[in-house]
Amino acid sequence: MGRMTASELEIRVMPANIASWEDLQTIFGSRGTAAGCQCQRYKLAPGEAFKSFPAAERADRLRRQAASDHPESGTTSGLIAYIDGEPVGWCAVEPRSAYTGLARVFKVPWEGRDEDKADASVWAVTCFVTRKGFTKRGVSRALARVAADFARERGARAIEGYPIVTTDVIIQELHVGTKSIFADAGFTEVSHPTPRRVVMRIDF
C-alpha cells in the first residue's frame, strides 16, 4: 500500500449517515454533473432514465440512500471527507448488488468474469466527487482507503472499483476514479474489460 501524503493525513472521513445532508449537498454543488446526477447513474431501475424524473427526486433518493442526518442508521451508501471541518469529498460504496443499473446495463464489472451479480458480500466503489477548490489534495485516495476498511468491517468478502485508465479522459468519466487511486488503497487489477476501464479488487 502506498504512503499517505501530508494532505491525505489532514483528511477526515466518516460514513455519510453521520454527516449532514447540507454537507453532502455542499460537495455536490448546485450545478454540473454531480449536482444533476446525485449519484443515481448506477441506481436506475428498469425503464428509468434521468429525463423521466426531476433532479429534486434524484436528490431525495440520495438522501434516503445515504441516510444523511441519521447517525443511528445501520446503513449508508457512502462516505464523506472533510478538511478542517469543510466537507470536500464523497465516495459511493455499498454492496455491489445495490447498484441495480450497474448489474443491468454496464458490462465493465462483468465482462470476462464469472461473477454472481446478486452476491451482496462483494462491495463496490462506483463514484467519487471532490468539491471544487479541493482537487489534487488526495481526497479520492483517502476515500478509497477508508472505503476498503468500511466494507471489510461490515462483512464484505471483497470490494471492487472500476476506474478509468487512459490519459484521454472525458471529464464526466472521472467520477469512477483512476487506477492509481485504487492501487494506492491496496486494490489490484483483476480484469481489463475495455481499453478505457479496469476492474480493481481487494479480497479480504
N, C-alpha and C. Protein backbone atom coordinates (compact mmCIF):
# COMPACT_ATOMS: atom_id res chain seq x y z
N MET A 1 0.85 -1.20 0.00
CA MET A 1 0.00 0.00 0.00
C MET A 1 0.88 1.24 0.00
N GLY A 2 0.51 2.23 -0.81
CA GLY A 2 1.31 3.44 -0.92
C GLY A 2 1.27 4.29 0.33
N ARG A 3 2.24 5.17 0.46
CA ARG A 3 2.30 6.09 1.59
C ARG A 3 1.28 7.20 1.43
N MET A 4 0.74 7.66 2.55
CA MET A 4 -0.19 8.77 2.52
C MET A 4 0.57 10.09 2.45
N THR A 5 0.02 11.01 1.67
CA THR A 5 0.64 12.33 1.57
C THR A 5 0.24 13.18 2.76
N ALA A 6 0.94 14.32 2.92
CA ALA A 6 0.61 15.23 4.02
C ALA A 6 -0.83 15.69 3.93
N SER A 7 -1.30 15.95 2.69
CA SER A 7 -2.68 16.39 2.51
C SER A 7 -3.66 15.31 2.96
N GLU A 8 -3.37 14.04 2.60
CA GLU A 8 -4.26 12.95 2.99
C GLU A 8 -4.35 12.81 4.50
N LEU A 9 -3.24 13.07 5.18
CA LEU A 9 -3.25 12.96 6.63
C LEU A 9 -4.15 14.00 7.29
N GLU A 10 -4.46 15.07 6.58
CA GLU A 10 -5.34 16.11 7.10
C GLU A 10 -6.81 15.80 6.86
N ILE A 11 -7.09 14.76 6.09
CA ILE A 11 -8.46 14.46 5.67
C ILE A 11 -9.12 13.51 6.67
N ARG A 12 -10.31 13.88 7.08
CA ARG A 12 -11.11 13.04 7.98
C ARG A 12 -12.28 12.49 7.18
N VAL A 13 -12.52 11.19 7.28
CA VAL A 13 -13.58 10.53 6.52
C VAL A 13 -14.56 9.88 7.47
N MET A 14 -15.86 10.04 7.17
CA MET A 14 -16.89 9.44 8.01
C MET A 14 -18.03 8.90 7.15
N PRO A 15 -18.79 7.92 7.69
CA PRO A 15 -19.96 7.44 6.96
C PRO A 15 -20.95 8.58 6.73
N ALA A 16 -21.62 8.55 5.58
CA ALA A 16 -22.49 9.66 5.20
C ALA A 16 -23.69 9.82 6.13
N ASN A 17 -24.11 8.76 6.80
CA ASN A 17 -25.26 8.91 7.70
C ASN A 17 -24.91 9.73 8.94
N ILE A 18 -23.64 9.79 9.28
CA ILE A 18 -23.21 10.60 10.42
C ILE A 18 -23.13 12.07 10.03
N ALA A 19 -22.89 12.32 8.76
CA ALA A 19 -22.77 13.69 8.26
C ALA A 19 -24.15 14.27 7.96
N SER A 20 -24.18 15.56 7.72
CA SER A 20 -25.45 16.23 7.43
C SER A 20 -25.73 16.23 5.93
N TRP A 21 -27.00 16.32 5.61
CA TRP A 21 -27.41 16.45 4.22
C TRP A 21 -26.86 17.74 3.61
N GLU A 22 -26.80 18.78 4.40
CA GLU A 22 -26.25 20.05 3.92
C GLU A 22 -24.80 19.88 3.49
N ASP A 23 -24.03 19.12 4.26
CA ASP A 23 -22.63 18.88 3.90
C ASP A 23 -22.52 18.10 2.60
N LEU A 24 -23.36 17.09 2.45
CA LEU A 24 -23.31 16.29 1.22
C LEU A 24 -23.65 17.14 0.01
N GLN A 25 -24.66 17.98 0.13
CA GLN A 25 -25.04 18.82 -0.99
C GLN A 25 -24.02 19.94 -1.25
N THR A 26 -23.28 20.34 -0.25
CA THR A 26 -22.19 21.29 -0.46
C THR A 26 -21.14 20.67 -1.36
N ILE A 27 -20.87 19.40 -1.18
CA ILE A 27 -19.91 18.69 -2.02
C ILE A 27 -20.42 18.58 -3.46
N PHE A 28 -21.68 18.24 -3.62
CA PHE A 28 -22.24 18.04 -4.96
C PHE A 28 -22.45 19.36 -5.70
N GLY A 29 -22.65 20.43 -4.98
CA GLY A 29 -22.83 21.72 -5.61
C GLY A 29 -24.22 21.90 -6.19
N SER A 30 -24.44 23.05 -6.79
CA SER A 30 -25.77 23.38 -7.30
C SER A 30 -25.87 23.27 -8.82
N ARG A 31 -24.76 23.01 -9.49
CA ARG A 31 -24.78 22.84 -10.94
C ARG A 31 -23.66 21.89 -11.34
N GLY A 32 -23.75 21.40 -12.57
CA GLY A 32 -22.73 20.48 -13.05
C GLY A 32 -23.18 19.03 -12.97
N THR A 33 -22.28 18.14 -13.35
CA THR A 33 -22.61 16.72 -13.47
C THR A 33 -23.04 16.10 -12.14
N ALA A 34 -22.28 16.34 -11.08
CA ALA A 34 -22.59 15.74 -9.79
C ALA A 34 -23.94 16.22 -9.27
N ALA A 35 -24.19 17.52 -9.39
CA ALA A 35 -25.45 18.08 -8.91
C ALA A 35 -26.64 17.50 -9.67
N GLY A 36 -26.46 17.27 -10.98
CA GLY A 36 -27.54 16.72 -11.77
C GLY A 36 -27.76 15.24 -11.53
N CYS A 37 -26.66 14.50 -11.37
CA CYS A 37 -26.76 13.04 -11.21
C CYS A 37 -27.23 12.63 -9.82
N GLN A 38 -26.70 13.31 -8.78
CA GLN A 38 -27.00 12.94 -7.40
C GLN A 38 -26.68 11.46 -7.14
N CYS A 39 -25.64 10.98 -7.82
CA CYS A 39 -25.13 9.61 -7.64
C CYS A 39 -26.21 8.56 -7.92
N GLN A 40 -27.01 8.79 -8.95
CA GLN A 40 -28.08 7.85 -9.30
C GLN A 40 -27.81 7.08 -10.59
N ARG A 41 -26.70 7.34 -11.24
CA ARG A 41 -26.43 6.69 -12.53
C ARG A 41 -26.51 5.17 -12.44
N TYR A 42 -25.96 4.60 -11.40
CA TYR A 42 -25.93 3.15 -11.27
C TYR A 42 -27.09 2.61 -10.44
N LYS A 43 -28.03 3.49 -10.11
CA LYS A 43 -29.18 3.11 -9.29
C LYS A 43 -30.48 3.04 -10.08
N LEU A 44 -30.44 3.41 -11.35
CA LEU A 44 -31.67 3.46 -12.14
C LEU A 44 -32.31 2.08 -12.25
N ALA A 45 -33.63 2.05 -12.08
CA ALA A 45 -34.39 0.82 -12.22
C ALA A 45 -34.72 0.57 -13.69
N PRO A 46 -35.13 -0.63 -14.05
CA PRO A 46 -35.51 -0.90 -15.44
C PRO A 46 -36.54 0.11 -15.93
N GLY A 47 -36.29 0.67 -17.10
CA GLY A 47 -37.22 1.63 -17.68
C GLY A 47 -37.01 3.07 -17.24
N GLU A 48 -36.13 3.30 -16.26
CA GLU A 48 -35.90 4.65 -15.78
C GLU A 48 -34.77 5.32 -16.56
N ALA A 49 -34.87 6.63 -16.67
CA ALA A 49 -33.82 7.46 -17.26
C ALA A 49 -33.86 8.80 -16.55
N PHE A 50 -32.75 9.52 -16.59
CA PHE A 50 -32.69 10.81 -15.91
C PHE A 50 -33.82 11.74 -16.36
N LYS A 51 -34.17 11.67 -17.63
CA LYS A 51 -35.20 12.58 -18.14
C LYS A 51 -36.59 12.24 -17.61
N SER A 52 -36.75 11.06 -17.00
CA SER A 52 -38.07 10.64 -16.55
C SER A 52 -38.41 11.08 -15.14
N PHE A 53 -37.42 11.57 -14.40
CA PHE A 53 -37.74 12.11 -13.07
C PHE A 53 -36.80 13.25 -12.75
N PRO A 54 -37.30 14.26 -12.05
CA PRO A 54 -36.54 15.50 -11.87
C PRO A 54 -35.36 15.37 -10.93
N ALA A 55 -34.46 16.33 -11.02
CA ALA A 55 -33.27 16.33 -10.16
C ALA A 55 -33.64 16.33 -8.69
N ALA A 56 -34.74 16.98 -8.33
CA ALA A 56 -35.16 17.00 -6.93
C ALA A 56 -35.46 15.60 -6.42
N GLU A 57 -36.04 14.76 -7.26
CA GLU A 57 -36.31 13.39 -6.85
C GLU A 57 -35.02 12.59 -6.75
N ARG A 58 -34.08 12.85 -7.65
CA ARG A 58 -32.78 12.18 -7.55
C ARG A 58 -32.11 12.53 -6.22
N ALA A 59 -32.17 13.79 -5.85
CA ALA A 59 -31.58 14.23 -4.58
C ALA A 59 -32.27 13.56 -3.41
N ASP A 60 -33.59 13.44 -3.48
CA ASP A 60 -34.32 12.79 -2.40
C ASP A 60 -33.93 11.32 -2.27
N ARG A 61 -33.72 10.67 -3.40
CA ARG A 61 -33.27 9.28 -3.36
C ARG A 61 -31.90 9.18 -2.70
N LEU A 62 -30.99 10.07 -3.08
CA LEU A 62 -29.65 10.04 -2.49
C LEU A 62 -29.73 10.27 -0.98
N ARG A 63 -30.58 11.20 -0.57
CA ARG A 63 -30.70 11.49 0.86
C ARG A 63 -31.13 10.25 1.62
N ARG A 64 -32.08 9.50 1.06
CA ARG A 64 -32.53 8.27 1.72
C ARG A 64 -31.46 7.18 1.66
N GLN A 65 -30.76 7.07 0.54
CA GLN A 65 -29.72 6.05 0.40
C GLN A 65 -28.55 6.31 1.36
N ALA A 66 -28.17 7.56 1.45
CA ALA A 66 -27.05 7.92 2.33
C ALA A 66 -27.45 7.96 3.79
N ALA A 67 -28.77 8.07 4.06
CA ALA A 67 -29.29 8.20 5.43
C ALA A 67 -28.67 9.41 6.13
N SER A 68 -28.49 10.49 5.38
CA SER A 68 -27.89 11.70 5.95
C SER A 68 -28.68 12.18 7.16
N ASP A 69 -27.96 12.69 8.16
CA ASP A 69 -28.56 13.20 9.39
C ASP A 69 -29.17 12.11 10.26
N HIS A 70 -28.82 10.85 10.00
CA HIS A 70 -29.35 9.74 10.80
C HIS A 70 -28.21 8.86 11.31
N PRO A 71 -27.46 9.36 12.29
CA PRO A 71 -26.33 8.57 12.80
C PRO A 71 -26.73 7.24 13.40
N GLU A 72 -28.00 7.10 13.76
CA GLU A 72 -28.46 5.84 14.33
C GLU A 72 -28.68 4.77 13.26
N SER A 73 -28.66 5.16 11.99
CA SER A 73 -28.91 4.22 10.91
C SER A 73 -27.78 3.20 10.80
N GLY A 74 -28.16 1.97 10.53
CA GLY A 74 -27.16 0.92 10.39
C GLY A 74 -26.61 0.80 8.98
N THR A 75 -27.16 1.58 8.05
CA THR A 75 -26.71 1.51 6.67
C THR A 75 -26.52 2.91 6.09
N THR A 76 -25.67 2.99 5.12
CA THR A 76 -25.48 4.21 4.34
C THR A 76 -24.84 3.84 3.02
N SER A 77 -25.01 4.67 2.02
CA SER A 77 -24.48 4.34 0.70
C SER A 77 -23.14 4.99 0.40
N GLY A 78 -22.53 5.65 1.40
CA GLY A 78 -21.27 6.30 1.05
C GLY A 78 -20.52 6.90 2.21
N LEU A 79 -19.43 7.57 1.86
CA LEU A 79 -18.54 8.21 2.81
C LEU A 79 -18.35 9.67 2.43
N ILE A 80 -18.10 10.51 3.43
CA ILE A 80 -17.85 11.93 3.20
C ILE A 80 -16.50 12.29 3.82
N ALA A 81 -15.73 13.07 3.08
CA ALA A 81 -14.41 13.52 3.53
C ALA A 81 -14.46 14.99 3.92
N TYR A 82 -13.67 15.32 4.96
CA TYR A 82 -13.59 16.70 5.46
C TYR A 82 -12.13 17.12 5.55
N ILE A 83 -11.89 18.39 5.29
CA ILE A 83 -10.60 19.02 5.57
C ILE A 83 -10.87 20.25 6.42
N ASP A 84 -10.31 20.28 7.61
CA ASP A 84 -10.51 21.40 8.53
C ASP A 84 -11.98 21.71 8.71
N GLY A 85 -12.80 20.67 8.83
CA GLY A 85 -14.22 20.85 9.07
C GLY A 85 -15.05 21.15 7.84
N GLU A 86 -14.40 21.33 6.69
CA GLU A 86 -15.11 21.63 5.45
C GLU A 86 -15.41 20.32 4.71
N PRO A 87 -16.67 20.09 4.31
CA PRO A 87 -16.98 18.90 3.51
C PRO A 87 -16.37 19.03 2.12
N VAL A 88 -15.56 18.04 1.71
CA VAL A 88 -14.80 18.20 0.47
C VAL A 88 -14.94 17.03 -0.51
N GLY A 89 -15.44 15.88 -0.06
CA GLY A 89 -15.48 14.75 -0.98
C GLY A 89 -16.51 13.71 -0.60
N TRP A 90 -16.94 12.98 -1.62
CA TRP A 90 -17.94 11.91 -1.47
C TRP A 90 -17.43 10.67 -2.19
N CYS A 91 -17.72 9.53 -1.62
CA CYS A 91 -17.42 8.24 -2.25
C CYS A 91 -18.63 7.34 -2.08
N ALA A 92 -19.16 6.82 -3.18
CA ALA A 92 -20.27 5.87 -3.12
C ALA A 92 -19.70 4.47 -2.92
N VAL A 93 -20.09 3.81 -1.83
CA VAL A 93 -19.61 2.46 -1.54
C VAL A 93 -20.68 1.70 -0.77
N GLU A 94 -21.03 0.56 -1.30
CA GLU A 94 -22.01 -0.32 -0.65
C GLU A 94 -21.99 -1.66 -1.37
N PRO A 95 -22.80 -2.64 -0.96
CA PRO A 95 -22.80 -3.92 -1.66
C PRO A 95 -23.04 -3.74 -3.16
N ARG A 96 -22.27 -4.45 -3.96
CA ARG A 96 -22.36 -4.31 -5.41
C ARG A 96 -23.77 -4.57 -5.91
N SER A 97 -24.49 -5.46 -5.25
CA SER A 97 -25.85 -5.80 -5.66
C SER A 97 -26.83 -4.65 -5.48
N ALA A 98 -26.45 -3.62 -4.72
CA ALA A 98 -27.33 -2.46 -4.54
C ALA A 98 -27.37 -1.58 -5.77
N TYR A 99 -26.39 -1.74 -6.65
CA TYR A 99 -26.32 -0.92 -7.87
C TYR A 99 -27.04 -1.66 -9.00
N THR A 100 -28.36 -1.54 -9.01
CA THR A 100 -29.18 -2.29 -9.95
C THR A 100 -28.83 -1.94 -11.40
N GLY A 101 -28.56 -0.68 -11.67
CA GLY A 101 -28.20 -0.27 -13.01
C GLY A 101 -26.85 -0.82 -13.43
N LEU A 102 -25.94 -0.93 -12.49
CA LEU A 102 -24.62 -1.48 -12.78
C LEU A 102 -24.73 -2.92 -13.26
N ALA A 103 -25.62 -3.67 -12.62
CA ALA A 103 -25.81 -5.07 -12.99
C ALA A 103 -26.54 -5.22 -14.31
N ARG A 104 -27.36 -4.23 -14.64
CA ARG A 104 -28.27 -4.38 -15.77
C ARG A 104 -27.71 -3.88 -17.10
N VAL A 105 -27.01 -2.74 -17.09
CA VAL A 105 -26.66 -2.12 -18.37
C VAL A 105 -25.17 -1.83 -18.56
N PHE A 106 -24.34 -2.11 -17.55
CA PHE A 106 -22.91 -1.84 -17.69
C PHE A 106 -22.14 -3.16 -17.76
N LYS A 107 -21.28 -3.29 -18.77
CA LYS A 107 -20.56 -4.55 -18.94
C LYS A 107 -19.23 -4.58 -18.20
N VAL A 108 -18.72 -3.41 -17.80
CA VAL A 108 -17.36 -3.36 -17.23
C VAL A 108 -17.17 -4.31 -16.04
N PRO A 109 -18.08 -4.34 -15.06
CA PRO A 109 -17.81 -5.22 -13.91
C PRO A 109 -17.89 -6.70 -14.23
N TRP A 110 -18.49 -7.07 -15.36
CA TRP A 110 -18.82 -8.47 -15.59
C TRP A 110 -18.09 -9.11 -16.76
N GLU A 111 -17.63 -8.33 -17.71
CA GLU A 111 -17.02 -8.86 -18.94
C GLU A 111 -15.84 -9.77 -18.63
N GLY A 112 -15.92 -11.01 -19.10
CA GLY A 112 -14.81 -11.94 -18.95
C GLY A 112 -14.65 -12.54 -17.57
N ARG A 113 -15.63 -12.32 -16.71
CA ARG A 113 -15.55 -12.87 -15.35
C ARG A 113 -16.83 -13.62 -15.01
N ASP A 114 -16.70 -14.65 -14.20
CA ASP A 114 -17.85 -15.41 -13.74
C ASP A 114 -18.25 -14.90 -12.37
N GLU A 115 -19.11 -13.89 -12.34
CA GLU A 115 -19.50 -13.24 -11.10
C GLU A 115 -21.00 -13.35 -10.87
N ASP A 116 -21.38 -13.59 -9.64
CA ASP A 116 -22.79 -13.60 -9.25
C ASP A 116 -23.22 -12.16 -9.00
N LYS A 117 -24.06 -11.61 -9.86
CA LYS A 117 -24.45 -10.22 -9.74
C LYS A 117 -25.27 -9.95 -8.48
N ALA A 118 -25.84 -10.98 -7.90
CA ALA A 118 -26.67 -10.81 -6.70
C ALA A 118 -25.89 -11.01 -5.41
N ASP A 119 -24.59 -11.27 -5.51
CA ASP A 119 -23.77 -11.54 -4.33
C ASP A 119 -23.53 -10.26 -3.54
N ALA A 120 -24.22 -10.11 -2.43
CA ALA A 120 -24.12 -8.89 -1.62
C ALA A 120 -22.86 -8.85 -0.77
N SER A 121 -22.07 -9.92 -0.77
CA SER A 121 -20.84 -9.92 0.02
C SER A 121 -19.68 -9.26 -0.72
N VAL A 122 -19.88 -8.97 -2.01
CA VAL A 122 -18.91 -8.19 -2.78
C VAL A 122 -19.40 -6.75 -2.83
N TRP A 123 -18.58 -5.84 -2.35
CA TRP A 123 -18.94 -4.42 -2.34
C TRP A 123 -18.30 -3.71 -3.53
N ALA A 124 -18.78 -2.51 -3.81
CA ALA A 124 -18.25 -1.76 -4.94
C ALA A 124 -18.13 -0.28 -4.61
N VAL A 125 -17.09 0.33 -5.13
CA VAL A 125 -16.92 1.79 -5.12
C VAL A 125 -17.23 2.25 -6.53
N THR A 126 -18.29 3.03 -6.69
CA THR A 126 -18.72 3.40 -8.04
C THR A 126 -18.50 4.86 -8.37
N CYS A 127 -18.30 5.72 -7.37
CA CYS A 127 -18.27 7.14 -7.69
C CYS A 127 -17.45 7.93 -6.66
N PHE A 128 -16.70 8.90 -7.15
CA PHE A 128 -16.03 9.90 -6.31
C PHE A 128 -16.48 11.29 -6.77
N VAL A 129 -16.69 12.15 -5.81
CA VAL A 129 -16.93 13.57 -6.11
C VAL A 129 -16.02 14.38 -5.19
N THR A 130 -15.22 15.26 -5.78
CA THR A 130 -14.39 16.17 -4.99
C THR A 130 -14.89 17.59 -5.23
N ARG A 131 -15.14 18.28 -4.17
CA ARG A 131 -15.67 19.65 -4.25
C ARG A 131 -14.68 20.58 -4.94
N LYS A 132 -15.22 21.46 -5.74
CA LYS A 132 -14.40 22.44 -6.44
C LYS A 132 -13.56 23.23 -5.44
N GLY A 133 -12.28 23.37 -5.75
CA GLY A 133 -11.36 24.07 -4.87
C GLY A 133 -10.55 23.15 -3.97
N PHE A 134 -10.88 21.84 -4.00
CA PHE A 134 -10.18 20.90 -3.13
C PHE A 134 -9.58 19.73 -3.91
N THR A 135 -9.47 19.87 -5.23
CA THR A 135 -8.86 18.81 -6.03
C THR A 135 -7.35 18.79 -5.82
N LYS A 136 -6.75 17.67 -6.21
CA LYS A 136 -5.29 17.47 -6.11
C LYS A 136 -4.77 17.55 -4.67
N ARG A 137 -5.63 17.18 -3.73
CA ARG A 137 -5.21 17.15 -2.32
C ARG A 137 -5.35 15.76 -1.71
N GLY A 138 -5.55 14.75 -2.56
CA GLY A 138 -5.62 13.38 -2.07
C GLY A 138 -6.97 12.96 -1.51
N VAL A 139 -8.02 13.72 -1.83
CA VAL A 139 -9.34 13.42 -1.27
C VAL A 139 -9.84 12.05 -1.72
N SER A 140 -9.81 11.78 -3.02
CA SER A 140 -10.29 10.49 -3.52
C SER A 140 -9.45 9.33 -3.00
N ARG A 141 -8.14 9.54 -2.89
CA ARG A 141 -7.28 8.48 -2.36
C ARG A 141 -7.63 8.16 -0.91
N ALA A 142 -7.87 9.18 -0.11
CA ALA A 142 -8.25 8.96 1.28
C ALA A 142 -9.58 8.22 1.35
N LEU A 143 -10.52 8.60 0.51
CA LEU A 143 -11.82 7.94 0.50
C LEU A 143 -11.71 6.48 0.08
N ALA A 144 -10.89 6.18 -0.91
CA ALA A 144 -10.73 4.79 -1.35
C ALA A 144 -10.14 3.93 -0.26
N ARG A 145 -9.17 4.47 0.47
CA ARG A 145 -8.57 3.72 1.58
C ARG A 145 -9.60 3.38 2.64
N VAL A 146 -10.38 4.37 3.02
CA VAL A 146 -11.37 4.16 4.07
C VAL A 146 -12.49 3.25 3.56
N ALA A 147 -12.84 3.36 2.28
CA ALA A 147 -13.90 2.51 1.72
C ALA A 147 -13.58 1.04 1.89
N ALA A 148 -12.31 0.67 1.70
CA ALA A 148 -11.93 -0.73 1.86
C ALA A 148 -12.14 -1.19 3.30
N ASP A 149 -11.72 -0.39 4.25
CA ASP A 149 -11.92 -0.73 5.67
C ASP A 149 -13.41 -0.75 6.01
N PHE A 150 -14.13 0.22 5.50
CA PHE A 150 -15.57 0.35 5.75
C PHE A 150 -16.31 -0.91 5.30
N ALA A 151 -15.98 -1.41 4.11
CA ALA A 151 -16.63 -2.61 3.59
C ALA A 151 -16.24 -3.84 4.40
N ARG A 152 -14.96 -3.99 4.70
CA ARG A 152 -14.50 -5.15 5.44
C ARG A 152 -15.15 -5.22 6.83
N GLU A 153 -15.23 -4.08 7.50
CA GLU A 153 -15.81 -4.04 8.83
C GLU A 153 -17.29 -4.39 8.83
N ARG A 154 -17.93 -4.26 7.67
CA ARG A 154 -19.36 -4.57 7.55
C ARG A 154 -19.61 -5.92 6.90
N GLY A 155 -18.59 -6.75 6.88
CA GLY A 155 -18.77 -8.13 6.47
C GLY A 155 -18.51 -8.44 5.02
N ALA A 156 -18.00 -7.49 4.25
CA ALA A 156 -17.70 -7.76 2.84
C ALA A 156 -16.57 -8.78 2.73
N ARG A 157 -16.67 -9.65 1.75
CA ARG A 157 -15.56 -10.59 1.49
C ARG A 157 -14.63 -10.05 0.41
N ALA A 158 -15.10 -9.00 -0.30
CA ALA A 158 -14.28 -8.37 -1.33
C ALA A 158 -14.86 -6.99 -1.63
N ILE A 159 -14.03 -6.14 -2.23
CA ILE A 159 -14.51 -4.84 -2.69
C ILE A 159 -13.86 -4.53 -4.03
N GLU A 160 -14.62 -3.89 -4.92
CA GLU A 160 -14.15 -3.60 -6.26
C GLU A 160 -14.32 -2.13 -6.61
N GLY A 161 -13.54 -1.69 -7.60
CA GLY A 161 -13.72 -0.40 -8.23
C GLY A 161 -13.51 -0.57 -9.72
N TYR A 162 -14.00 0.39 -10.51
CA TYR A 162 -13.99 0.26 -11.97
C TYR A 162 -13.43 1.52 -12.62
N PRO A 163 -12.17 1.82 -12.35
CA PRO A 163 -11.61 3.11 -12.75
C PRO A 163 -11.25 3.22 -14.23
N ILE A 164 -11.00 4.45 -14.62
CA ILE A 164 -10.54 4.80 -15.96
C ILE A 164 -9.02 4.64 -16.00
N VAL A 165 -8.49 4.24 -17.16
CA VAL A 165 -7.04 4.00 -17.24
C VAL A 165 -6.34 4.79 -18.34
N THR A 166 -7.08 5.42 -19.23
CA THR A 166 -6.42 6.13 -20.32
C THR A 166 -6.16 7.59 -19.92
N THR A 167 -5.26 8.22 -20.65
CA THR A 167 -4.99 9.63 -20.41
C THR A 167 -5.95 10.52 -21.18
N ASP A 168 -6.66 9.92 -22.14
CA ASP A 168 -7.65 10.65 -22.93
C ASP A 168 -8.99 10.56 -22.21
N VAL A 169 -9.14 11.34 -21.14
CA VAL A 169 -10.28 11.22 -20.25
C VAL A 169 -11.30 12.32 -20.52
N ILE A 170 -12.55 11.92 -20.67
CA ILE A 170 -13.65 12.88 -20.70
C ILE A 170 -13.99 13.20 -19.25
N ILE A 171 -14.18 14.47 -18.93
CA ILE A 171 -14.33 14.89 -17.54
C ILE A 171 -15.43 14.13 -16.82
N GLN A 172 -16.52 13.80 -17.53
CA GLN A 172 -17.62 13.09 -16.90
C GLN A 172 -17.23 11.69 -16.46
N GLU A 173 -16.15 11.15 -17.03
CA GLU A 173 -15.73 9.80 -16.69
C GLU A 173 -14.94 9.74 -15.38
N LEU A 174 -14.46 10.86 -14.91
CA LEU A 174 -13.58 10.86 -13.75
C LEU A 174 -14.28 10.45 -12.46
N HIS A 175 -15.60 10.42 -12.48
CA HIS A 175 -16.31 10.02 -11.26
C HIS A 175 -15.96 8.59 -10.83
N VAL A 176 -15.50 7.75 -11.77
CA VAL A 176 -15.17 6.37 -11.41
C VAL A 176 -13.79 6.25 -10.80
N GLY A 177 -13.02 7.33 -10.79
CA GLY A 177 -11.67 7.30 -10.24
C GLY A 177 -10.65 6.83 -11.25
N THR A 178 -9.40 6.88 -10.87
CA THR A 178 -8.31 6.42 -11.71
C THR A 178 -7.69 5.15 -11.11
N LYS A 179 -6.96 4.43 -11.93
CA LYS A 179 -6.34 3.20 -11.46
C LYS A 179 -5.40 3.46 -10.29
N SER A 180 -4.66 4.56 -10.33
CA SER A 180 -3.69 4.83 -9.26
C SER A 180 -4.38 5.10 -7.92
N ILE A 181 -5.56 5.69 -7.94
CA ILE A 181 -6.30 5.91 -6.70
C ILE A 181 -6.56 4.59 -6.00
N PHE A 182 -7.02 3.60 -6.77
CA PHE A 182 -7.33 2.30 -6.19
C PHE A 182 -6.06 1.53 -5.83
N ALA A 183 -5.04 1.62 -6.68
CA ALA A 183 -3.78 0.92 -6.39
C ALA A 183 -3.18 1.42 -5.08
N ASP A 184 -3.23 2.71 -4.85
CA ASP A 184 -2.68 3.28 -3.61
C ASP A 184 -3.45 2.82 -2.38
N ALA A 185 -4.70 2.39 -2.59
CA ALA A 185 -5.52 1.91 -1.47
C ALA A 185 -5.43 0.40 -1.30
N GLY A 186 -4.57 -0.24 -2.08
CA GLY A 186 -4.35 -1.68 -1.92
C GLY A 186 -5.14 -2.56 -2.86
N PHE A 187 -5.86 -1.97 -3.82
CA PHE A 187 -6.59 -2.75 -4.80
C PHE A 187 -5.62 -3.23 -5.89
N THR A 188 -5.91 -4.37 -6.47
CA THR A 188 -5.10 -4.87 -7.58
C THR A 188 -6.00 -5.15 -8.79
N GLU A 189 -5.42 -5.03 -9.98
CA GLU A 189 -6.19 -5.24 -11.20
C GLU A 189 -6.51 -6.72 -11.37
N VAL A 190 -7.78 -7.01 -11.64
CA VAL A 190 -8.21 -8.39 -11.88
C VAL A 190 -8.82 -8.58 -13.26
N SER A 191 -9.12 -7.48 -13.95
CA SER A 191 -9.74 -7.58 -15.26
C SER A 191 -9.52 -6.28 -16.02
N HIS A 192 -9.45 -6.40 -17.35
CA HIS A 192 -9.29 -5.22 -18.21
C HIS A 192 -10.34 -5.34 -19.33
N PRO A 193 -11.62 -5.13 -18.99
CA PRO A 193 -12.71 -5.46 -19.92
C PRO A 193 -12.82 -4.56 -21.13
N THR A 194 -12.35 -3.31 -21.04
CA THR A 194 -12.38 -2.40 -22.18
C THR A 194 -11.05 -1.65 -22.23
N PRO A 195 -10.73 -1.03 -23.35
CA PRO A 195 -9.46 -0.28 -23.42
C PRO A 195 -9.38 0.85 -22.41
N ARG A 196 -10.51 1.36 -21.95
CA ARG A 196 -10.52 2.52 -21.06
C ARG A 196 -10.72 2.19 -19.59
N ARG A 197 -11.17 0.97 -19.29
CA ARG A 197 -11.57 0.67 -17.91
C ARG A 197 -10.96 -0.65 -17.44
N VAL A 198 -10.66 -0.71 -16.13
CA VAL A 198 -10.20 -1.93 -15.50
C VAL A 198 -11.05 -2.20 -14.26
N VAL A 199 -10.99 -3.43 -13.79
CA VAL A 199 -11.60 -3.80 -12.53
C VAL A 199 -10.48 -3.95 -11.51
N MET A 200 -10.56 -3.21 -10.43
CA MET A 200 -9.59 -3.28 -9.33
C MET A 200 -10.31 -3.90 -8.13
N ARG A 201 -9.60 -4.74 -7.37
CA ARG A 201 -10.30 -5.51 -6.33
C ARG A 201 -9.38 -5.82 -5.16
N ILE A 202 -9.99 -5.92 -3.98
CA ILE A 202 -9.35 -6.48 -2.79
C ILE A 202 -10.23 -7.63 -2.31
N ASP A 203 -9.63 -8.78 -2.11
CA ASP A 203 -10.31 -9.91 -1.46
C ASP A 203 -9.85 -9.96 -0.01
N PHE A 204 -10.79 -9.92 0.89
CA PHE A 204 -10.44 -9.89 2.33
C PHE A 204 -10.23 -11.29 2.89
